Every structure is written in C-alpha cells, then in structure tokens.
Protein backbone atom coordinates (compact mmCIF):
# COMPACT_ATOMS: atom_id res chain seq x y z
CA MET A 1 -112.09 134.85 -41.65
CA GLU A 2 -112.51 138.43 -41.39
CA ILE A 3 -109.28 139.91 -43.16
CA TRP A 4 -109.23 143.04 -41.26
CA LYS A 5 -108.53 141.37 -38.10
CA LEU A 6 -105.38 139.79 -39.72
CA LEU A 7 -104.62 143.36 -41.25
CA ILE A 8 -104.72 144.88 -37.76
CA LEU A 9 -102.75 142.19 -36.05
CA PHE A 10 -100.07 142.39 -38.71
CA LEU A 11 -99.74 146.19 -39.38
CA CYS A 12 -99.54 147.15 -35.55
CA ALA A 13 -96.80 144.78 -34.92
CA PHE A 14 -94.96 145.65 -38.46
CA LEU A 15 -95.30 149.46 -37.94
CA GLY A 16 -94.50 149.15 -34.46
CA GLY A 17 -91.10 147.40 -35.27
CA THR A 18 -90.19 149.54 -38.27
CA ALA A 19 -90.81 152.78 -36.28
CA ILE A 20 -87.27 152.22 -35.06
CA PHE A 21 -86.08 153.85 -38.28
CA LEU A 22 -88.23 157.02 -37.62
CA VAL A 23 -87.27 157.46 -33.77
CA LYS A 24 -84.52 159.93 -33.37
CA SER A 25 -85.00 160.58 -29.59
CA ASP A 26 -85.80 158.35 -26.84
CA LYS A 27 -89.62 157.39 -26.65
CA SER A 28 -89.34 155.08 -23.86
CA GLN A 29 -91.89 157.03 -21.66
CA LEU A 30 -94.49 157.02 -24.49
CA LEU A 31 -93.73 152.98 -24.94
CA LYS A 32 -94.43 152.71 -21.21
CA LEU A 33 -97.74 154.38 -21.36
CA ILE A 34 -98.81 152.30 -24.41
CA LEU A 35 -97.71 149.30 -22.27
CA SER A 36 -99.69 150.19 -19.37
CA PHE A 37 -102.70 150.92 -21.41
CA SER A 38 -102.54 147.51 -23.02
CA GLY A 39 -101.62 145.60 -20.01
CA ALA A 40 -104.65 146.95 -18.06
CA TYR A 41 -106.78 146.32 -21.18
CA LEU A 42 -105.65 142.76 -21.69
CA PHE A 43 -105.98 141.76 -17.86
CA ALA A 44 -109.80 143.32 -17.99
CA ILE A 45 -110.50 141.30 -21.19
CA THR A 46 -109.10 138.12 -19.88
CA VAL A 47 -111.31 138.35 -16.62
CA LEU A 48 -114.18 139.71 -18.34
CA HIS A 49 -114.31 137.64 -21.50
CA LEU A 50 -111.94 134.91 -21.72
CA ILE A 51 -112.20 133.33 -18.40
CA PRO A 52 -116.02 133.13 -18.52
CA ASP A 53 -116.00 131.68 -21.97
CA ALA A 54 -113.49 129.07 -21.22
CA TYR A 55 -115.60 127.82 -18.33
CA GLN A 56 -118.71 127.50 -20.70
CA GLY A 57 -117.13 124.19 -22.13
CA GLY A 58 -117.54 120.74 -20.85
CA GLU A 59 -114.20 120.08 -18.93
CA HIS A 60 -114.56 122.92 -16.18
CA GLU A 61 -112.19 121.08 -13.61
CA GLU A 62 -109.48 120.88 -16.18
CA ILE A 63 -109.36 124.70 -17.17
CA GLY A 64 -107.67 125.85 -14.12
CA ILE A 65 -104.87 123.40 -14.62
CA PHE A 66 -104.25 124.56 -18.23
CA ILE A 67 -104.28 128.32 -16.95
CA LEU A 68 -101.50 127.39 -14.61
CA ILE A 69 -99.64 125.82 -17.26
CA GLY A 70 -100.06 128.85 -19.61
CA PHE A 71 -98.68 130.92 -16.50
CA LEU A 72 -95.63 128.72 -16.14
CA LEU A 73 -95.07 128.40 -19.94
CA GLN A 74 -94.83 132.22 -20.11
CA ILE A 75 -92.20 132.14 -17.28
CA LEU A 76 -90.21 129.76 -19.31
CA LEU A 77 -90.46 131.65 -22.37
CA GLU A 78 -89.17 134.76 -20.84
CA GLN A 79 -85.85 133.06 -19.91
CA PHE A 80 -85.32 133.19 -23.49
CA SER A 81 -87.04 136.41 -24.75
CA GLU A 82 -85.69 138.74 -21.83
CA GLY A 83 -88.98 140.36 -21.46
CA VAL A 84 -89.21 141.69 -24.99
CA GLU A 85 -92.83 141.02 -25.25
CA HIS A 86 -93.11 143.47 -22.37
CA GLY A 87 -91.37 146.20 -24.18
CA HIS A 88 -88.11 145.65 -22.41
CA ILE A 89 -84.99 146.52 -24.28
CA HIS A 90 -81.76 145.04 -23.19
CA LYS A 91 -78.09 146.04 -24.34
CA HIS A 92 -76.61 143.27 -26.34
CA HIS A 93 -72.71 143.39 -26.45
CA ASP A 94 -72.37 140.40 -28.78
CA THR A 95 -72.81 142.26 -32.11
CA ASN A 96 -73.89 140.56 -35.20
CA ALA A 97 -75.01 137.77 -33.23
CA PHE A 98 -78.58 136.76 -34.24
CA PRO A 99 -80.84 136.58 -30.86
CA LEU A 100 -82.17 133.25 -31.78
CA GLY A 101 -83.88 132.47 -28.23
CA ILE A 102 -85.59 135.82 -28.35
CA MET A 103 -86.77 135.40 -31.78
CA ILE A 104 -88.30 131.76 -31.33
CA SER A 105 -90.01 132.47 -27.97
CA LEU A 106 -91.30 135.79 -29.01
CA CYS A 107 -92.86 134.20 -32.23
CA LEU A 108 -94.38 131.46 -30.07
CA HIS A 109 -95.90 133.95 -27.74
CA ALA A 110 -97.40 135.96 -30.48
CA PHE A 111 -98.74 132.84 -32.11
CA LEU A 112 -100.37 131.60 -29.08
CA GLU A 113 -101.80 135.30 -28.25
CA GLY A 114 -103.52 135.11 -31.73
CA MET A 115 -105.45 131.65 -30.89
CA PRO A 116 -108.07 133.30 -28.63
CA LEU A 117 -109.29 135.58 -31.48
CA ALA A 118 -111.25 132.76 -33.14
CA LYS A 119 -113.89 133.24 -30.28
CA ASP A 120 -113.58 137.06 -30.08
CA GLN A 121 -116.99 137.90 -31.08
CA HIS A 122 -117.01 141.35 -29.92
CA ASN A 123 -113.69 142.41 -31.24
CA ALA A 124 -112.43 143.33 -27.81
CA LEU A 125 -109.18 141.35 -27.76
CA ILE A 126 -107.92 142.20 -30.93
CA TYR A 127 -107.17 145.67 -30.13
CA GLY A 128 -105.47 144.61 -27.04
CA ILE A 129 -103.38 142.23 -28.80
CA ALA A 130 -102.58 144.58 -31.44
CA LEU A 131 -101.43 147.38 -28.93
CA HIS A 132 -99.36 145.04 -27.04
CA HIS A 133 -97.38 143.96 -29.92
CA ILE A 134 -96.33 147.70 -30.94
CA PRO A 135 -93.73 147.91 -28.11
CA ALA A 136 -92.74 144.41 -28.45
CA ALA A 137 -91.71 144.67 -32.07
CA PHE A 138 -90.18 148.05 -31.15
CA ALA A 139 -88.02 146.27 -28.85
CA LEU A 140 -87.36 143.38 -31.05
CA ALA A 141 -86.01 145.88 -33.97
CA SER A 142 -84.12 147.71 -31.28
CA ILE A 143 -82.10 144.57 -30.43
CA LEU A 144 -81.51 143.70 -34.00
CA MET A 145 -80.36 147.16 -34.53
CA GLN A 146 -78.12 147.09 -31.53
CA ASN A 147 -76.51 143.91 -32.98
CA GLN A 148 -75.82 145.83 -36.22
CA PHE A 149 -78.23 144.11 -38.54
CA ASN A 150 -78.99 145.91 -41.65
CA ARG A 151 -82.43 147.47 -42.59
CA THR A 152 -83.50 144.73 -44.67
CA LYS A 153 -82.93 142.03 -42.30
CA ILE A 154 -84.46 144.10 -39.40
CA VAL A 155 -87.52 144.66 -41.60
CA MET A 156 -87.68 140.78 -42.55
CA TYR A 157 -87.58 139.63 -38.99
CA VAL A 158 -89.93 142.16 -37.79
CA GLY A 159 -92.29 140.94 -40.48
CA ILE A 160 -91.85 137.48 -39.30
CA PHE A 161 -92.85 138.38 -36.07
CA ALA A 162 -95.86 140.42 -37.27
CA LEU A 163 -97.21 137.26 -39.00
CA MET A 164 -97.32 135.10 -36.02
CA ALA A 165 -100.25 136.44 -34.22
CA PRO A 166 -102.54 136.35 -37.44
CA LEU A 167 -101.24 132.78 -38.03
CA GLY A 168 -102.26 131.87 -34.62
CA PHE A 169 -105.66 133.42 -35.25
CA TYR A 170 -105.98 131.38 -38.56
CA VAL A 171 -104.95 128.11 -36.94
CA SER A 172 -107.44 128.46 -34.01
CA GLU A 173 -110.17 129.30 -36.32
CA GLY A 174 -109.51 125.95 -37.93
CA LEU A 175 -109.38 124.25 -34.52
CA SER A 176 -112.58 125.85 -33.18
CA ASN A 177 -114.76 125.10 -36.15
CA GLY A 178 -113.23 121.65 -36.67
CA THR A 179 -111.49 121.98 -40.02
CA ILE A 180 -108.19 121.19 -38.66
CA GLY A 181 -108.06 117.63 -37.61
CA GLY A 182 -111.04 117.45 -35.44
CA MET A 183 -109.07 119.53 -32.59
CA GLU A 184 -112.10 121.50 -31.65
CA ASN A 185 -112.36 119.54 -28.73
CA TYR A 186 -109.16 120.72 -27.27
CA PHE A 187 -109.84 124.24 -27.80
CA ASN A 188 -110.95 125.20 -24.54
CA ARG A 189 -107.52 123.86 -23.11
CA ILE A 190 -105.60 125.79 -25.66
CA MET A 191 -107.60 128.89 -24.59
CA GLY A 192 -106.69 127.97 -20.81
CA ILE A 193 -102.84 128.07 -21.83
CA VAL A 194 -103.46 131.32 -23.48
CA ILE A 195 -105.46 132.94 -20.46
CA GLY A 196 -102.40 131.96 -18.34
CA ILE A 197 -99.98 133.67 -20.48
CA PHE A 198 -102.19 136.82 -20.68
CA LEU A 199 -102.53 137.03 -16.92
CA HIS A 200 -98.72 136.64 -16.45
CA ILE A 201 -97.96 139.31 -19.25
CA SER A 202 -100.51 141.71 -18.01
CA THR A 203 -99.89 141.44 -14.46
CA THR A 204 -96.35 141.78 -14.93
CA ILE A 205 -96.55 144.83 -17.20
CA LEU A 206 -98.80 146.60 -14.43
CA PHE A 207 -96.68 145.77 -11.52
CA GLU A 208 -92.72 145.62 -12.64
CA SER A 209 -92.49 149.31 -13.76
CA SER A 210 -93.83 150.71 -10.44
CA VAL A 211 -91.06 152.29 -8.46
CA ASP A 212 -91.51 151.37 -4.64
CA HIS A 213 -95.12 150.05 -5.78
CA LYS A 214 -96.13 153.80 -6.44
CA VAL A 215 -97.79 154.28 -9.68
CA SER A 216 -97.14 157.66 -11.66
CA ARG A 217 -100.32 159.77 -12.47
CA LYS A 218 -99.73 159.23 -16.14
CA LYS A 219 -99.56 155.50 -15.58
CA MET A 220 -102.58 155.49 -13.47
CA ILE A 221 -104.53 157.18 -16.17
CA ALA A 222 -103.37 154.89 -18.81
CA VAL A 223 -104.44 152.05 -16.64
CA LEU A 224 -108.00 153.34 -15.94
CA CYS A 225 -108.26 154.20 -19.55
CA GLY A 226 -107.61 150.47 -20.33
CA VAL A 227 -109.69 149.04 -17.72
CA GLY A 228 -112.52 151.37 -18.74
CA ILE A 229 -112.51 150.79 -22.42
CA ALA A 230 -112.64 146.93 -21.58
CA LEU A 231 -115.73 147.56 -19.27
CA ILE A 232 -117.32 149.78 -21.98
CA GLY A 233 -117.07 146.98 -24.47
CA TYR A 234 -118.31 144.58 -21.97
CA PHE A 235 -121.40 146.34 -21.18
CA SER A 236 -122.34 147.25 -24.51
CA SER A 237 -121.86 143.59 -25.63
CA GLY A 238 -124.80 142.62 -23.07
CA HIS A 239 -122.73 140.36 -21.00
CA SER A 240 -124.00 142.55 -18.15
CA HIS A 241 -127.57 140.76 -17.87
C-alpha cells in the first residue's frame, strides 16, 4: 500500500472542497477547464488501460455486462447527486437541510472510483481521479454553504467525501490480493462496473457542456492535453508493443 497515493486522493478532494472559503469571485470557467481535462484523461485511461486489463481475466463474456451495469448505476446515482460529480452546482432553496441523497451517492461514487487503483501499476489513473474530485468536492462544499452550514460542518463533510476514494483503493487492494474474504475472483467484475461509471462520467463531462455541440478553443486544448498526457503514459509504459 503506497501511502502517497492515499494522500493525493485525499488532499485533492479535501483542498478542492475547502477552497470554497478562499474563492471570492466566480471561478466556474477554471473549474470547467479542469473538468474537461480530467474527463478527457479519464476517458483515455479507461480505453487504453482499464478495458484491456479487465479483458485479460477469465470471464471475458461477462465483463461487458458489468460495464453496462456500471453505466446504468451512474445514471441512477445522478438522480440523487444532481450531477455534483461533474462539478455541477445547483441552487438549493431549502436552507439548513442536509443534502443526504447528494452526499450518499457522491461518497459511493468516489468509493467505487478508488477501486481500480489496486491495479494501477503505472499511476496513470490516480491523477485523473484526484483531478476529477477537485471540482466535485468544490461543488459539494458550495451546496453545503448555500444551505447555510457552518465552516466546521462543511470541512467535516468534505473530509468524509475525501476519504471515500482512498477507502475504495484500500478495500480493492484487499480484494485483489485475496486478503479480504477470497473476493479476488470478483475483482474483474467490480472493475467492469467501475469502467461503466468512468465511461458515463467522462463522456458526460466532454459532451454536456458544449453549446450547439461546439467546443470552445480553451476546452479543446484542455481535452487534447488530457488525451495527450494519457497517451504519453501509455506509450512510455510499454503498452505499445
């Protein structure tokens, strides 16, 4: 278990959420560019690394079913999270009410996203997930702030969210090496679900924010950078042979 991976996952989400206290002006354009970069990076990593790795296991014909389950699961989660994992910030008129559905679905989402890191030999995925959680945590904190939660509670709930991906990583590490209840046989199926979630998240980020299906120059540069960095990691890791 590499501690630095857990720290990167935790700190990116935690600092992304607590940055709400430092931001005086609207930084939504910067958040959109971070989202575009991380969405493109996640999509490329899923196609280049996760899908080929998942199909190296024994039950090839089943993987596609679990990818579909993951895709549909993310659609279901978004009915409760309201797209916060995409960095969406919605106005909540019911002040002082705790957004329980958002919190639970966001935590489950982050937990599942941490799971493939047990097989992330080239550290490509960790940066994509960590980046992706910055705007998600910021959106969560802004919703809590709109609902008039005090600073202590906002920091506490952002901290809980930030712990979920490291926890998913920790649990999946146990599953993949067999220390948790002989579940290593199911690891590729869990990976299939996570791949489905990543495909939904990344494609939604890339396509939904385009007006009339036109992509701004800045967003195109962010997307190309995300894909480019993923490709550099892919070729430098020796996958190209």
